[in-house]
N, C-alpha and C. Protein backbone atom coordinates (compact mmCIF):
# COMPACT_ATOMS: atom_id res chain seq x y z
N MET A 1 -93.17 75.37 -33.32
CA MET A 1 -92.64 76.10 -34.45
C MET A 1 -93.53 77.34 -34.64
N SER A 2 -92.86 78.42 -34.99
CA SER A 2 -93.63 79.66 -35.10
C SER A 2 -94.44 79.72 -36.39
N LEU A 3 -95.49 80.51 -36.34
CA LEU A 3 -96.35 80.70 -37.49
C LEU A 3 -95.58 81.31 -38.64
N ALA A 4 -94.57 82.18 -38.38
CA ALA A 4 -93.79 82.78 -39.42
C ALA A 4 -92.99 81.71 -40.18
N LEU A 5 -92.46 80.71 -39.48
CA LEU A 5 -91.73 79.64 -40.16
C LEU A 5 -92.64 78.78 -41.00
N VAL A 6 -93.83 78.50 -40.50
CA VAL A 6 -94.82 77.74 -41.27
C VAL A 6 -95.15 78.50 -42.54
N SER A 7 -95.38 79.79 -42.43
CA SER A 7 -95.69 80.64 -43.59
C SER A 7 -94.55 80.58 -44.61
N MET A 8 -93.31 80.57 -44.11
CA MET A 8 -92.18 80.49 -45.04
C MET A 8 -92.20 79.19 -45.80
N PHE A 9 -92.52 78.06 -45.14
CA PHE A 9 -92.58 76.77 -45.82
C PHE A 9 -93.64 76.77 -46.88
N VAL A 10 -94.79 77.30 -46.48
CA VAL A 10 -95.94 77.32 -47.40
C VAL A 10 -95.54 78.12 -48.66
N TYR A 11 -94.89 79.23 -48.49
CA TYR A 11 -94.46 80.06 -49.63
C TYR A 11 -93.44 79.27 -50.44
N ALA A 12 -92.50 78.59 -49.75
CA ALA A 12 -91.41 77.89 -50.43
C ALA A 12 -91.95 76.79 -51.35
N ILE A 13 -93.06 76.15 -51.01
CA ILE A 13 -93.55 75.10 -51.89
C ILE A 13 -94.67 75.64 -52.76
N LYS A 14 -94.87 76.94 -52.77
CA LYS A 14 -95.82 77.63 -53.62
C LYS A 14 -97.27 77.14 -53.43
N SER A 15 -97.58 76.84 -52.18
CA SER A 15 -98.96 76.47 -51.89
C SER A 15 -99.71 77.73 -51.45
N VAL A 16 -101.01 77.68 -51.59
CA VAL A 16 -101.80 78.81 -51.16
C VAL A 16 -102.71 78.33 -50.05
N LEU A 17 -102.27 78.57 -48.81
CA LEU A 17 -103.06 78.19 -47.66
C LEU A 17 -103.51 79.43 -46.93
N THR A 18 -104.62 79.30 -46.24
CA THR A 18 -105.12 80.39 -45.41
C THR A 18 -104.26 80.52 -44.18
N SER A 19 -104.39 81.66 -43.51
CA SER A 19 -103.65 81.83 -42.24
C SER A 19 -104.09 80.82 -41.21
N LYS A 20 -105.37 80.45 -41.22
CA LYS A 20 -105.86 79.45 -40.27
C LYS A 20 -105.26 78.05 -40.57
N GLN A 21 -105.09 77.77 -41.84
CA GLN A 21 -104.46 76.48 -42.21
C GLN A 21 -102.99 76.47 -41.74
N GLU A 22 -102.34 77.61 -41.89
CA GLU A 22 -100.96 77.75 -41.42
C GLU A 22 -100.89 77.58 -39.89
N GLU A 23 -101.91 78.15 -39.18
CA GLU A 23 -101.94 78.00 -37.74
C GLU A 23 -102.16 76.54 -37.37
N LEU A 24 -102.97 75.85 -38.14
CA LEU A 24 -103.24 74.43 -37.85
C LEU A 24 -101.93 73.62 -38.03
N ILE A 25 -101.17 73.92 -39.10
CA ILE A 25 -99.90 73.23 -39.28
C ILE A 25 -98.96 73.46 -38.11
N ALA A 26 -98.86 74.72 -37.69
CA ALA A 26 -98.00 75.02 -36.52
C ALA A 26 -98.48 74.29 -35.28
N ALA A 27 -99.78 74.18 -35.07
CA ALA A 27 -100.29 73.47 -33.90
C ALA A 27 -100.05 71.99 -34.03
N MET A 28 -100.17 71.44 -35.26
CA MET A 28 -99.94 70.01 -35.46
C MET A 28 -98.50 69.62 -35.19
N LEU A 29 -97.56 70.54 -35.37
CA LEU A 29 -96.17 70.26 -35.09
C LEU A 29 -95.91 70.18 -33.59
N GLU A 30 -96.80 70.77 -32.81
CA GLU A 30 -96.61 70.76 -31.36
C GLU A 30 -97.55 69.79 -30.65
N THR A 31 -98.61 69.36 -31.32
CA THR A 31 -99.63 68.57 -30.68
C THR A 31 -99.86 67.29 -31.52
N PRO A 32 -99.83 66.15 -30.89
CA PRO A 32 -99.91 64.88 -31.65
C PRO A 32 -101.29 64.59 -32.28
N LYS A 33 -102.33 65.09 -31.71
CA LYS A 33 -103.68 64.74 -32.22
C LYS A 33 -104.31 65.92 -32.97
N ILE A 34 -105.01 65.60 -34.06
CA ILE A 34 -105.64 66.62 -34.87
C ILE A 34 -106.68 67.41 -34.06
N ALA A 35 -107.44 66.73 -33.24
CA ALA A 35 -108.45 67.40 -32.43
C ALA A 35 -107.84 68.44 -31.54
N GLN A 36 -106.70 68.10 -30.90
CA GLN A 36 -106.03 69.03 -30.01
C GLN A 36 -105.44 70.19 -30.81
N ALA A 37 -104.87 69.88 -31.97
CA ALA A 37 -104.27 70.92 -32.81
C ALA A 37 -105.35 71.88 -33.30
N ALA A 38 -106.52 71.34 -33.68
CA ALA A 38 -107.64 72.15 -34.15
C ALA A 38 -108.09 73.11 -33.05
N LEU A 39 -108.20 72.59 -31.85
CA LEU A 39 -108.59 73.39 -30.69
C LEU A 39 -107.59 74.52 -30.48
N LYS A 40 -106.30 74.17 -30.55
CA LYS A 40 -105.24 75.16 -30.34
C LYS A 40 -105.27 76.23 -31.44
N ALA A 41 -105.60 75.80 -32.67
CA ALA A 41 -105.65 76.74 -33.80
C ALA A 41 -106.96 77.49 -33.87
N GLY A 42 -107.93 77.08 -33.04
CA GLY A 42 -109.22 77.78 -33.02
C GLY A 42 -110.12 77.47 -34.22
N ILE A 43 -110.04 76.23 -34.67
CA ILE A 43 -110.92 75.82 -35.79
C ILE A 43 -111.69 74.55 -35.40
N PRO A 44 -112.80 74.32 -36.05
CA PRO A 44 -113.56 73.13 -35.73
C PRO A 44 -112.81 71.85 -36.15
N HIS A 45 -113.00 70.81 -35.38
CA HIS A 45 -112.31 69.54 -35.58
C HIS A 45 -112.57 69.00 -36.99
N GLN A 46 -113.83 69.04 -37.41
CA GLN A 46 -114.15 68.51 -38.77
C GLN A 46 -113.49 69.29 -39.86
N THR A 47 -113.32 70.58 -39.68
CA THR A 47 -112.65 71.43 -40.68
C THR A 47 -111.19 70.97 -40.76
N ALA A 48 -110.57 70.75 -39.61
CA ALA A 48 -109.18 70.33 -39.58
C ALA A 48 -109.04 68.98 -40.29
N ARG A 49 -109.94 68.09 -40.05
CA ARG A 49 -109.88 66.76 -40.71
C ARG A 49 -110.02 66.91 -42.22
N ARG A 50 -110.83 67.85 -42.66
CA ARG A 50 -111.00 68.04 -44.09
C ARG A 50 -109.71 68.65 -44.68
N TRP A 51 -109.13 69.61 -43.98
CA TRP A 51 -107.93 70.28 -44.48
C TRP A 51 -106.74 69.32 -44.56
N VAL A 52 -106.59 68.41 -43.62
CA VAL A 52 -105.41 67.55 -43.64
C VAL A 52 -105.42 66.61 -44.84
N LYS A 53 -106.56 66.48 -45.51
CA LYS A 53 -106.64 65.66 -46.70
C LYS A 53 -106.27 66.38 -48.00
N LEU A 54 -106.15 67.73 -47.90
CA LEU A 54 -105.80 68.52 -49.08
C LEU A 54 -104.36 68.34 -49.47
N PRO A 55 -104.04 68.10 -50.73
CA PRO A 55 -102.64 67.92 -51.14
C PRO A 55 -101.76 69.12 -50.77
N ALA A 56 -102.23 70.32 -50.97
CA ALA A 56 -101.41 71.50 -50.63
C ALA A 56 -101.14 71.57 -49.15
N PHE A 57 -102.11 71.23 -48.36
CA PHE A 57 -101.93 71.21 -46.89
C PHE A 57 -100.89 70.16 -46.51
N GLN A 58 -101.06 68.94 -47.11
CA GLN A 58 -100.12 67.84 -46.82
C GLN A 58 -98.69 68.22 -47.19
N ASP A 59 -98.54 68.87 -48.35
CA ASP A 59 -97.21 69.30 -48.81
C ASP A 59 -96.57 70.28 -47.80
N ALA A 60 -97.39 71.25 -47.40
CA ALA A 60 -96.89 72.25 -46.47
C ALA A 60 -96.55 71.65 -45.13
N TYR A 61 -97.39 70.72 -44.65
CA TYR A 61 -97.16 70.07 -43.36
C TYR A 61 -95.90 69.20 -43.43
N LYS A 62 -95.70 68.46 -44.51
CA LYS A 62 -94.49 67.63 -44.65
C LYS A 62 -93.24 68.53 -44.69
N ALA A 63 -93.33 69.64 -45.41
CA ALA A 63 -92.19 70.56 -45.47
C ALA A 63 -91.87 71.12 -44.07
N ALA A 64 -92.87 71.44 -43.32
CA ALA A 64 -92.69 71.96 -41.97
C ALA A 64 -92.07 70.89 -41.07
N GLN A 65 -92.53 69.62 -41.21
CA GLN A 65 -91.98 68.53 -40.43
C GLN A 65 -90.48 68.32 -40.75
N ARG A 66 -90.19 68.33 -42.06
CA ARG A 66 -88.79 68.15 -42.49
C ARG A 66 -87.90 69.24 -41.89
N ASP A 67 -88.37 70.48 -41.95
CA ASP A 67 -87.58 71.58 -41.41
C ASP A 67 -87.38 71.44 -39.91
N LEU A 68 -88.43 71.07 -39.20
CA LEU A 68 -88.32 70.88 -37.78
C LEU A 68 -87.31 69.78 -37.45
N PHE A 69 -87.36 68.70 -38.20
CA PHE A 69 -86.41 67.61 -38.01
C PHE A 69 -84.99 68.06 -38.34
N ASP A 70 -84.84 68.79 -39.43
CA ASP A 70 -83.51 69.28 -39.80
C ASP A 70 -82.94 70.20 -38.74
N ARG A 71 -83.76 71.05 -38.17
CA ARG A 71 -83.31 71.94 -37.10
C ARG A 71 -82.87 71.16 -35.89
N ALA A 72 -83.59 70.11 -35.55
CA ALA A 72 -83.21 69.25 -34.41
C ALA A 72 -81.88 68.55 -34.70
N LEU A 73 -81.69 68.05 -35.91
CA LEU A 73 -80.44 67.41 -36.26
C LEU A 73 -79.29 68.41 -36.18
N ASN A 74 -79.53 69.61 -36.67
CA ASN A 74 -78.48 70.62 -36.62
C ASN A 74 -78.08 70.91 -35.19
N GLY A 75 -79.07 70.96 -34.32
CA GLY A 75 -78.78 71.16 -32.88
C GLY A 75 -77.89 70.04 -32.32
N LEU A 76 -78.20 68.80 -32.72
CA LEU A 76 -77.40 67.65 -32.28
C LEU A 76 -75.98 67.72 -32.85
N MET A 77 -75.89 68.09 -34.12
CA MET A 77 -74.55 68.17 -34.76
C MET A 77 -73.64 69.14 -34.06
N LEU A 78 -74.23 70.20 -33.48
CA LEU A 78 -73.42 71.18 -32.77
C LEU A 78 -72.79 70.57 -31.51
N LYS A 79 -73.31 69.48 -31.03
CA LYS A 79 -72.81 68.84 -29.83
C LYS A 79 -71.97 67.60 -30.08
N VAL A 80 -71.78 67.21 -31.33
CA VAL A 80 -71.06 66.01 -31.67
C VAL A 80 -69.61 66.08 -31.22
N ASP A 81 -68.94 67.17 -31.49
CA ASP A 81 -67.53 67.30 -31.10
C ASP A 81 -67.34 67.14 -29.60
N LYS A 82 -68.21 67.76 -28.82
CA LYS A 82 -68.13 67.65 -27.36
C LYS A 82 -68.39 66.21 -26.91
N ALA A 83 -69.35 65.57 -27.52
CA ALA A 83 -69.68 64.18 -27.18
C ALA A 83 -68.48 63.26 -27.50
N ILE A 84 -67.85 63.45 -28.62
CA ILE A 84 -66.70 62.63 -28.99
C ILE A 84 -65.57 62.88 -28.03
N GLU A 85 -65.36 64.12 -27.67
CA GLU A 85 -64.30 64.49 -26.74
C GLU A 85 -64.57 63.85 -25.36
N THR A 86 -65.83 63.90 -24.92
CA THR A 86 -66.19 63.27 -23.63
C THR A 86 -65.94 61.77 -23.65
N ILE A 87 -66.36 61.11 -24.68
CA ILE A 87 -66.17 59.67 -24.79
C ILE A 87 -64.67 59.35 -24.79
N GLY A 88 -63.90 60.13 -25.53
CA GLY A 88 -62.44 59.94 -25.56
C GLY A 88 -61.81 60.14 -24.20
N GLN A 89 -62.27 61.15 -23.45
CA GLN A 89 -61.75 61.36 -22.13
C GLN A 89 -62.02 60.22 -21.20
N VAL A 90 -63.25 59.68 -21.26
CA VAL A 90 -63.58 58.53 -20.40
C VAL A 90 -62.73 57.34 -20.77
N MET A 91 -62.60 57.10 -22.06
CA MET A 91 -61.84 55.95 -22.54
C MET A 91 -60.37 56.07 -22.07
N ASP A 92 -59.82 57.26 -22.07
CA ASP A 92 -58.39 57.46 -21.76
C ASP A 92 -58.14 57.64 -20.26
N ASP A 93 -59.18 57.82 -19.48
CA ASP A 93 -59.03 58.08 -18.04
C ASP A 93 -58.74 56.75 -17.30
N LEU A 94 -57.52 56.55 -16.91
CA LEU A 94 -57.13 55.29 -16.24
C LEU A 94 -57.78 55.15 -14.89
N GLU A 95 -58.29 56.26 -14.34
CA GLU A 95 -58.93 56.18 -13.04
C GLU A 95 -60.44 55.95 -13.16
N ALA A 96 -60.95 55.99 -14.34
CA ALA A 96 -62.38 55.73 -14.58
C ALA A 96 -62.64 54.22 -14.39
N PRO A 97 -63.85 53.85 -13.98
CA PRO A 97 -64.17 52.43 -13.84
C PRO A 97 -63.95 51.73 -15.18
N ALA A 98 -63.53 50.47 -15.10
CA ALA A 98 -63.24 49.69 -16.28
C ALA A 98 -64.46 49.57 -17.20
N ASN A 99 -65.65 49.38 -16.58
CA ASN A 99 -66.84 49.26 -17.44
C ASN A 99 -67.14 50.53 -18.21
N ALA A 100 -66.85 51.70 -17.62
CA ALA A 100 -67.05 53.00 -18.33
C ALA A 100 -66.06 53.14 -19.46
N ARG A 101 -64.81 52.74 -19.21
CA ARG A 101 -63.79 52.83 -20.27
C ARG A 101 -64.12 51.89 -21.40
N LEU A 102 -64.54 50.66 -21.03
CA LEU A 102 -64.90 49.66 -22.02
C LEU A 102 -66.09 50.14 -22.87
N ARG A 103 -67.08 50.69 -22.22
CA ARG A 103 -68.26 51.20 -22.95
C ARG A 103 -67.89 52.33 -23.88
N ALA A 104 -67.00 53.22 -23.47
CA ALA A 104 -66.54 54.34 -24.33
C ALA A 104 -65.82 53.77 -25.58
N ALA A 105 -64.98 52.78 -25.32
CA ALA A 105 -64.27 52.15 -26.46
C ALA A 105 -65.26 51.47 -27.42
N GLN A 106 -66.26 50.80 -26.83
CA GLN A 106 -67.27 50.11 -27.65
C GLN A 106 -68.04 51.13 -28.51
N ILE A 107 -68.40 52.24 -27.92
CA ILE A 107 -69.11 53.29 -28.68
C ILE A 107 -68.29 53.77 -29.84
N ILE A 108 -67.02 54.02 -29.59
CA ILE A 108 -66.16 54.54 -30.64
C ILE A 108 -66.00 53.50 -31.77
N LEU A 109 -65.80 52.24 -31.42
CA LEU A 109 -65.68 51.19 -32.41
C LEU A 109 -66.97 51.00 -33.22
N GLU A 110 -68.10 50.97 -32.53
CA GLU A 110 -69.39 50.78 -33.24
C GLU A 110 -69.67 51.94 -34.20
N GLN A 111 -69.39 53.12 -33.76
CA GLN A 111 -69.64 54.27 -34.63
C GLN A 111 -68.69 54.29 -35.82
N ALA A 112 -67.43 53.91 -35.60
CA ALA A 112 -66.48 53.86 -36.68
C ALA A 112 -66.93 52.85 -37.72
N ILE A 113 -67.44 51.70 -37.26
CA ILE A 113 -67.90 50.68 -38.20
C ILE A 113 -69.12 51.19 -38.99
N GLN A 114 -70.03 51.89 -38.31
CA GLN A 114 -71.21 52.44 -38.98
C GLN A 114 -70.80 53.47 -40.02
N VAL A 115 -69.86 54.34 -39.71
CA VAL A 115 -69.39 55.36 -40.67
C VAL A 115 -68.76 54.66 -41.86
N HIS A 116 -67.97 53.62 -41.63
CA HIS A 116 -67.36 52.86 -42.75
C HIS A 116 -68.44 52.25 -43.63
N LYS A 117 -69.42 51.64 -43.02
CA LYS A 117 -70.52 51.00 -43.82
C LYS A 117 -71.27 52.05 -44.63
N MET A 118 -71.54 53.19 -44.01
CA MET A 118 -72.29 54.24 -44.75
C MET A 118 -71.42 54.80 -45.92
N SER A 119 -70.13 54.91 -45.69
CA SER A 119 -69.23 55.38 -46.75
C SER A 119 -69.26 54.40 -47.95
N GLU A 120 -69.22 53.11 -47.63
CA GLU A 120 -69.27 52.08 -48.68
C GLU A 120 -70.61 52.15 -49.42
N LEU A 121 -71.69 52.30 -48.69
CA LEU A 121 -73.01 52.37 -49.34
C LEU A 121 -73.10 53.60 -50.21
N GLU A 122 -72.58 54.72 -49.73
CA GLU A 122 -72.62 55.95 -50.52
C GLU A 122 -71.82 55.80 -51.82
N ALA A 123 -70.65 55.15 -51.74
CA ALA A 123 -69.86 54.92 -52.95
C ALA A 123 -70.59 54.04 -53.94
N LYS A 124 -71.25 52.99 -53.43
CA LYS A 124 -72.02 52.11 -54.32
C LYS A 124 -73.19 52.85 -54.95
N TYR A 125 -73.83 53.71 -54.17
CA TYR A 125 -74.95 54.48 -54.69
C TYR A 125 -74.50 55.40 -55.82
N VAL A 126 -73.40 56.09 -55.60
CA VAL A 126 -72.85 57.02 -56.64
C VAL A 126 -72.49 56.20 -57.89
N GLU A 127 -71.86 55.04 -57.68
CA GLU A 127 -71.51 54.17 -58.79
C GLU A 127 -72.77 53.73 -59.57
N LEU A 128 -73.80 53.36 -58.85
CA LEU A 128 -75.04 52.93 -59.49
C LEU A 128 -75.70 54.08 -60.25
N GLU A 129 -75.71 55.30 -59.65
CA GLU A 129 -76.25 56.45 -60.36
C GLU A 129 -75.50 56.72 -61.68
N GLN A 130 -74.17 56.63 -61.63
CA GLN A 130 -73.38 56.85 -62.82
C GLN A 130 -73.68 55.80 -63.89
N PHE A 131 -73.83 54.57 -63.49
CA PHE A 131 -74.15 53.46 -64.40
C PHE A 131 -75.48 53.74 -65.08
N ILE A 132 -76.48 54.14 -64.26
CA ILE A 132 -77.82 54.38 -64.83
C ILE A 132 -77.77 55.52 -65.83
N LYS A 133 -77.04 56.60 -65.50
CA LYS A 133 -76.93 57.74 -66.45
C LYS A 133 -76.20 57.32 -67.70
N SER A 134 -75.12 56.55 -67.57
CA SER A 134 -74.34 56.17 -68.76
C SER A 134 -75.11 55.19 -69.65
N ALA A 135 -76.00 54.40 -69.04
CA ALA A 135 -76.81 53.44 -69.80
C ALA A 135 -78.03 54.11 -70.41
N GLY A 136 -78.21 55.40 -70.13
CA GLY A 136 -79.37 56.11 -70.68
C GLY A 136 -80.68 55.79 -70.01
N MET A 137 -80.60 55.23 -68.81
CA MET A 137 -81.87 54.88 -68.10
C MET A 137 -82.34 55.99 -67.17
N GLY A 138 -81.47 57.00 -66.93
CA GLY A 138 -81.85 58.07 -66.02
C GLY A 138 -82.69 59.11 -66.70
N LYS A 139 -83.08 60.09 -65.95
CA LYS A 139 -83.94 61.16 -66.48
C LYS A 139 -83.24 62.03 -67.45
């Protein structure tokens, strides 16, 4: 993730981090270990360890992680239509091996069931929120 994007997250949550702290966040998004991220950001390991304990740093890092995850999900969502079309083509292709057609059908059925379950949960959640608000228990 670019340093500019990290800076944007830091600004968005109204934290005041140094440019080196922003660089550490960017490095931590690319490198799994703090020591490696510190080296990449050009700061001492102990300094990085101290910074990651700061609430403002943690908030900025979490915001950057969320954005990175959201961008990845958006990239996947752009491919959903093509994936569904491909599965449908395999399922409908009478010349495709039976196991491939069966697996395509299974995928479609499993996903339809999951979507149905999520829709039911969402409806129950909305109903519960409305009940809490009407009972005066909400904020």
